[in-house]
Amino acid sequence: MTQDPAPQPVDAGTVKYLRILVTVLTVTMVLGFIIIVVLFVIRFSDAFGSGAPDPLSLPAAIALPEGAVPAAFTRGPDWYAVVTGDGRILIYDAETGALRQEIAVE
């Protein structure tokens, strides 16, 4: 015994509403994708384009105190720092090369 239900009539208003809803959601998704692509292009062109800042220059030589062995180096806009093997951070002025500050790391 098989029972085949009678086909239900489809309301024309519901079909029209669903068609409009799918169309609006599709347009929203396409516009969102376009906006994301445009933002990626703008961000990457700023990072790799002609507007990129000049790389920071490194000092030709650094005068470390007696017995200091460099372990790490970092550079800021107007300073650079050398971390020594004996647990000190030496901060130098980028223009003059003079020692600004010495910090002991415990």
C-alpha atoms as a PDB file:
ATOM      1  CA  MET A   1       0.000   0.000   0.000  1.00  0.00           C
ATOM      2  CA  THR A   2       1.486   3.277  -1.042  1.00  0.00           C
ATOM      3  CA  GLN A   3      -0.031   6.537  -0.119  1.00  0.00           C
ATOM      4  CA  ASP A   4       0.742   9.323  -2.546  1.00  0.00           C
ATOM      5  CA  PRO A   5      -0.140  12.656  -1.019  1.00  0.00           C
ATOM      6  CA  ALA A   6      -1.873  15.036  -3.324  1.00  0.00           C
ATOM      7  CA  PRO A   7       0.408  17.851  -4.555  1.00  0.00           C
ATOM      8  CA  GLN A   8      -0.081  21.012  -2.567  1.00  0.00           C
ATOM      9  CA  PRO A   9      -0.803  24.197  -4.466  1.00  0.00           C
ATOM     10  CA  VAL A  10       2.077  26.719  -4.384  1.00  0.00           C
ATOM     11  CA  ASP A  11       1.208  30.203  -3.217  1.00  0.00           C
ATOM     12  CA  ALA A  12       2.334  32.747  -5.845  1.00  0.00           C
ATOM     13  CA  GLY A  13       3.036  35.375  -3.172  1.00  0.00           C
ATOM     14  CA  THR A  14       5.458  33.068  -1.338  1.00  0.00           C
ATOM     15  CA  VAL A  15       7.320  32.235  -4.537  1.00  0.00           C
ATOM     16  CA  LYS A  16       7.638  35.928  -5.409  1.00  0.00           C
ATOM     17  CA  TYR A  17       8.877  36.728  -1.863  1.00  0.00           C
ATOM     18  CA  LEU A  18      11.475  33.943  -2.001  1.00  0.00           C
ATOM     19  CA  ARG A  19      12.655  35.049  -5.455  1.00  0.00           C
ATOM     20  CA  ILE A  20      13.137  38.643  -4.235  1.00  0.00           C
ATOM     21  CA  LEU A  21      14.882  37.421  -1.060  1.00  0.00           C
ATOM     22  CA  VAL A  22      17.345  35.242  -3.001  1.00  0.00           C
ATOM     23  CA  THR A  23      18.043  38.071  -5.449  1.00  0.00           C
ATOM     24  CA  VAL A  24      18.724  40.581  -2.642  1.00  0.00           C
ATOM     25  CA  LEU A  25      20.991  38.142  -0.802  1.00  0.00           C
ATOM     26  CA  THR A  26      22.911  37.368  -4.000  1.00  0.00           C
ATOM     27  CA  VAL A  27      23.463  41.054  -4.761  1.00  0.00           C
ATOM     28  CA  THR A  28      24.572  41.653  -1.159  1.00  0.00           C
ATOM     29  CA  MET A  29      27.062  38.780  -1.330  1.00  0.00           C
ATOM     30  CA  VAL A  30      28.499  39.941  -4.676  1.00  0.00           C
ATOM     31  CA  LEU A  31      28.866  43.539  -3.429  1.00  0.00           C
ATOM     32  CA  GLY A  32      30.531  42.319  -0.223  1.00  0.00           C
ATOM     33  CA  PHE A  33      33.001  40.231  -2.216  1.00  0.00           C
ATOM     34  CA  ILE A  34      33.818  43.205  -4.453  1.00  0.00           C
ATOM     35  CA  ILE A  35      34.386  45.418  -1.409  1.00  0.00           C
ATOM     36  CA  ILE A  36      36.729  42.838   0.152  1.00  0.00           C
ATOM     37  CA  VAL A  37      38.751  42.562  -3.075  1.00  0.00           C
ATOM     38  CA  VAL A  38      39.002  46.365  -3.351  1.00  0.00           C
ATOM     39  CA  LEU A  39      40.189  46.634   0.267  1.00  0.00           C
ATOM     40  CA  PHE A  40      42.855  43.970  -0.327  1.00  0.00           C
ATOM     41  CA  VAL A  41      44.090  45.792  -3.426  1.00  0.00           C
ATOM     42  CA  ILE A  42      44.238  49.125  -1.571  1.00  0.00           C
ATOM     43  CA  ARG A  43      46.077  47.656   1.417  1.00  0.00           C
ATOM     44  CA  PHE A  44      48.610  45.702  -0.640  1.00  0.00           C
ATOM     45  CA  SER A  45      49.273  48.575  -3.019  1.00  0.00           C
ATOM     46  CA  ASP A  46      50.039  50.795  -0.001  1.00  0.00           C
ATOM     47  CA  ALA A  47      52.375  48.186   1.460  1.00  0.00           C
ATOM     48  CA  PHE A  48      54.264  47.309  -1.730  1.00  0.00           C
ATOM     49  CA  GLY A  49      53.681  50.346  -3.916  1.00  0.00           C
ATOM     50  CA  SER A  50      55.647  53.527  -4.335  1.00  0.00           C
ATOM     51  CA  GLY A  51      54.246  54.900  -1.076  1.00  0.00           C
ATOM     52  CA  ALA A  52      56.286  52.474   1.023  1.00  0.00           C
ATOM     53  CA  PRO A  53      58.684  54.166   3.444  1.00  0.00           C
ATOM     54  CA  ASP A  54      62.416  53.936   2.885  1.00  0.00           C
ATOM     55  CA  PRO A  55      64.082  51.146   4.832  1.00  0.00           C
ATOM     56  CA  LEU A  56      65.985  52.206   7.917  1.00  0.00           C
ATOM     57  CA  SER A  57      69.721  52.395   7.473  1.00  0.00           C
ATOM     58  CA  LEU A  58      72.052  50.383   9.653  1.00  0.00           C
ATOM     59  CA  PRO A  59      75.117  51.867  11.325  1.00  0.00           C
ATOM     60  CA  ALA A  60      78.434  51.075   9.671  1.00  0.00           C
ATOM     61  CA  ALA A  61      80.063  50.240  13.019  1.00  0.00           C
ATOM     62  CA  ILE A  62      78.997  50.108  16.658  1.00  0.00           C
ATOM     63  CA  ALA A  63      81.418  50.845  19.495  1.00  0.00           C
ATOM     64  CA  LEU A  64      80.558  48.394  22.259  1.00  0.00           C
ATOM     65  CA  PRO A  65      81.966  48.633  25.787  1.00  0.00           C
ATOM     66  CA  GLU A  66      84.958  46.474  26.705  1.00  0.00           C
ATOM     67  CA  GLY A  67      84.044  42.777  26.912  1.00  0.00           C
ATOM     68  CA  ALA A  68      80.512  43.155  25.497  1.00  0.00           C
ATOM     69  CA  VAL A  69      79.522  40.459  23.012  1.00  0.00           C
ATOM     70  CA  PRO A  70      76.473  41.316  20.870  1.00  0.00           C
ATOM     71  CA  ALA A  71      73.574  38.839  20.936  1.00  0.00           C
ATOM     72  CA  ALA A  72      70.794  40.817  19.229  1.00  0.00           C
ATOM     73  CA  PHE A  73      70.174  44.106  17.434  1.00  0.00           C
ATOM     74  CA  THR A  74      67.042  46.203  16.924  1.00  0.00           C
ATOM     75  CA  ARG A  75      66.371  49.558  15.278  1.00  0.00           C
ATOM     76  CA  GLY A  76      63.911  52.341  16.036  1.00  0.00           C
ATOM     77  CA  PRO A  77      63.240  55.604  14.205  1.00  0.00           C
ATOM     78  CA  ASP A  78      66.005  57.556  15.973  1.00  0.00           C
ATOM     79  CA  TRP A  79      67.798  54.885  18.035  1.00  0.00           C
ATOM     80  CA  TYR A  80      69.177  51.383  17.872  1.00  0.00           C
ATOM     81  CA  ALA A  81      69.791  48.854  20.613  1.00  0.00           C
ATOM     82  CA  VAL A  82      72.251  46.027  21.106  1.00  0.00           C
ATOM     83  CA  VAL A  83      71.525  43.191  23.513  1.00  0.00           C
ATOM     84  CA  THR A  84      74.740  41.778  24.904  1.00  0.00           C
ATOM     85  CA  GLY A  85      75.505  38.261  26.006  1.00  0.00           C
ATOM     86  CA  ASP A  86      76.063  39.364  29.605  1.00  0.00           C
ATOM     87  CA  GLY A  87      72.466  40.590  30.005  1.00  0.00           C
ATOM     88  CA  ARG A  88      72.595  44.271  29.117  1.00  0.00           C
ATOM     89  CA  ILE A  89      70.667  46.346  26.596  1.00  0.00           C
ATOM     90  CA  LEU A  90      72.704  49.208  25.166  1.00  0.00           C
ATOM     91  CA  ILE A  91      70.646  51.939  23.493  1.00  0.00           C
ATOM     92  CA  TYR A  92      72.482  54.250  21.079  1.00  0.00           C
ATOM     93  CA  ASP A  93      71.483  57.447  19.288  1.00  0.00           C
ATOM     94  CA  ALA A  94      71.047  56.743  15.570  1.00  0.00           C
ATOM     95  CA  GLU A  95      72.546  60.033  14.353  1.00  0.00           C
ATOM     96  CA  THR A  96      75.562  60.419  16.622  1.00  0.00           C
ATOM     97  CA  GLY A  97      76.177  56.811  17.670  1.00  0.00           C
ATOM     98  CA  ALA A  98      76.493  57.927  21.313  1.00  0.00           C
ATOM     99  CA  LEU A  99      75.340  55.615  24.080  1.00  0.00           C
ATOM    100  CA  ARG A 100      72.015  56.938  25.406  1.00  0.00           C
ATOM    101  CA  GLN A 101      71.101  54.353  28.001  1.00  0.00           C
ATOM    102  CA  GLU A 102      72.235  51.053  29.447  1.00  0.00           C
ATOM    103  CA  ILE A 103      69.657  48.662  30.905  1.00  0.00           C
ATOM    104  CA  ALA A 104      70.585  45.608  32.969  1.00  0.00           C
ATOM    105  CA  VAL A 105      68.385  42.581  32.309  1.00  0.00           C
ATOM    106  CA  GLU A 106      68.006  40.245  35.252  1.00  0.00           C
END
